[in-house]
Protein backbone atom coordinates (compact mmCIF):
# COMPACT_ATOMS: atom_id res chain seq x y z
CA MET A 1 0.00 0.00 0.00
CA LYS A 2 1.28 3.40 -0.99
CA GLN A 3 1.35 6.35 1.44
CA ILE A 4 0.56 9.90 0.43
CA GLU A 5 0.76 13.14 2.38
CA VAL A 6 -2.29 15.40 2.34
CA SER A 7 -3.46 18.50 4.16
CA ILE A 8 -6.87 19.09 5.76
CA LEU A 9 -7.50 22.45 7.44
CA GLY A 10 -3.78 23.15 7.21
CA GLN A 11 -2.85 19.98 9.12
CA ALA A 12 -0.69 17.39 7.36
CA TYR A 13 -1.70 13.71 7.36
CA VAL A 14 -0.03 10.64 5.89
CA LEU A 15 -2.67 8.28 4.50
CA GLY A 16 -2.46 4.75 3.20
CA CYS A 17 -3.61 4.52 -0.37
CA PRO A 18 -4.24 1.38 -2.44
CA GLU A 19 -2.42 1.18 -5.76
CA GLY A 20 -4.33 3.08 -8.41
CA GLY A 21 -6.45 4.94 -5.85
CA GLU A 22 -4.41 8.11 -5.39
CA ARG A 23 -6.60 10.31 -7.58
CA GLN A 24 -9.77 9.23 -5.82
CA LEU A 25 -8.23 9.68 -2.38
CA ARG A 26 -6.93 13.15 -3.25
CA GLU A 27 -10.39 14.11 -4.57
CA ALA A 28 -11.96 12.84 -1.34
CA VAL A 29 -9.44 14.80 0.74
CA ALA A 30 -10.15 17.93 -1.31
CA ALA A 31 -13.91 17.52 -0.74
CA VAL A 32 -13.42 17.04 3.01
CA ASP A 33 -11.06 20.02 3.19
CA ARG A 34 -13.50 22.24 1.27
CA GLU A 35 -16.39 21.20 3.48
CA MET A 36 -14.45 21.63 6.72
CA SER A 37 -12.99 24.97 5.60
CA GLY A 38 -16.44 26.26 4.71
CA ILE A 39 -17.77 25.36 8.16
CA ARG A 40 -14.73 26.87 9.89
CA ASP A 41 -14.87 30.03 7.77
CA ALA A 42 -18.55 30.55 8.59
CA GLY A 43 -17.24 31.25 12.10
CA LYS A 44 -19.91 29.49 14.13
CA VAL A 45 -17.95 26.34 14.99
CA LYS A 46 -14.36 26.37 16.27
CA ALA A 47 -13.61 22.85 17.56
CA ARG A 48 -11.97 20.68 14.91
CA GLU A 49 -13.87 17.57 16.02
CA ARG A 50 -17.24 19.32 15.65
CA ILE A 51 -16.21 20.70 12.26
CA ALA A 52 -15.24 17.15 11.18
CA VAL A 53 -18.58 15.70 12.31
CA LEU A 54 -20.58 18.43 10.57
CA ALA A 55 -18.53 18.04 7.39
CA ALA A 56 -19.03 14.25 7.46
CA LEU A 57 -22.77 14.70 7.88
CA ASN A 58 -22.92 17.22 5.03
CA LEU A 59 -20.98 14.93 2.71
CA ALA A 60 -23.06 11.88 3.70
CA TYR A 61 -26.24 13.87 3.02
CA GLN A 62 -24.93 14.87 -0.41
CA LEU A 63 -24.24 11.20 -1.19
CA ALA A 64 -27.72 10.21 0.00
CA GLU A 65 -29.29 12.86 -2.27
CA ARG A 66 -27.74 11.12 -5.27
CA GLY A 67 -30.07 8.18 -4.74
CA PRO A 68 -29.35 4.47 -4.41
CA ALA A 69 -25.71 3.46 -4.49
CA THR A 70 -24.31 1.67 -7.50
CA PRO A 71 -23.37 -2.01 -7.15
CA PRO A 72 -20.14 -2.61 -5.16
CA GLU A 73 -18.20 -3.59 -8.25
CA ALA A 74 -18.91 -0.13 -9.70
CA GLY A 75 -17.52 1.70 -6.64
CA SER A 76 -20.25 2.15 -4.00
CA VAL A 77 -19.28 3.59 -0.63
CA ASP A 78 -18.53 1.22 2.28
CA ILE A 79 -19.55 3.35 5.29
CA ASP A 80 -17.66 1.19 7.82
CA ALA A 81 -14.46 1.50 5.79
CA LEU A 82 -15.02 5.25 5.42
CA ILE A 83 -15.46 5.66 9.19
CA GLN A 84 -12.26 3.68 9.80
CA ARG A 85 -10.38 5.91 7.36
CA VAL A 86 -11.70 9.09 9.02
CA ASP A 87 -10.73 7.67 12.44
CA ALA A 88 -7.23 6.97 11.12
CA VAL A 89 -6.93 10.54 9.82
CA LEU A 90 -8.11 12.01 13.13
CA GLY A 91 -5.46 9.96 14.92
CA ASN A 92 -4.63 11.58 18.24
CA ASP A 93 -7.52 14.04 17.92
CA GLY A 94 -9.93 11.24 18.87
CA ARG A 95 -12.28 8.87 17.15
CA LEU A 96 -15.10 10.28 15.04
CA LEU A 97 -17.65 7.64 16.11
């Protein structure tokens, strides 16, 4: 597994990335960073953990609005795996769920 360095809210993270998945992971990181930055910049929420939870909820809602997921072989989202990845990114900041 390849490792890549990314930045979310100005904080650097090293993430594991399966071969051939770098583009998708970087796009996911960019979406999370945009969402978290928007919440932070609105000025109503300061705690990073709360910003992360709100961003996760916003992104999950956007996915749900798209309708039923495509079959797994076409790339549907595994929520348990996504939560584990977010937990890994949060690291010492604490677990998301």
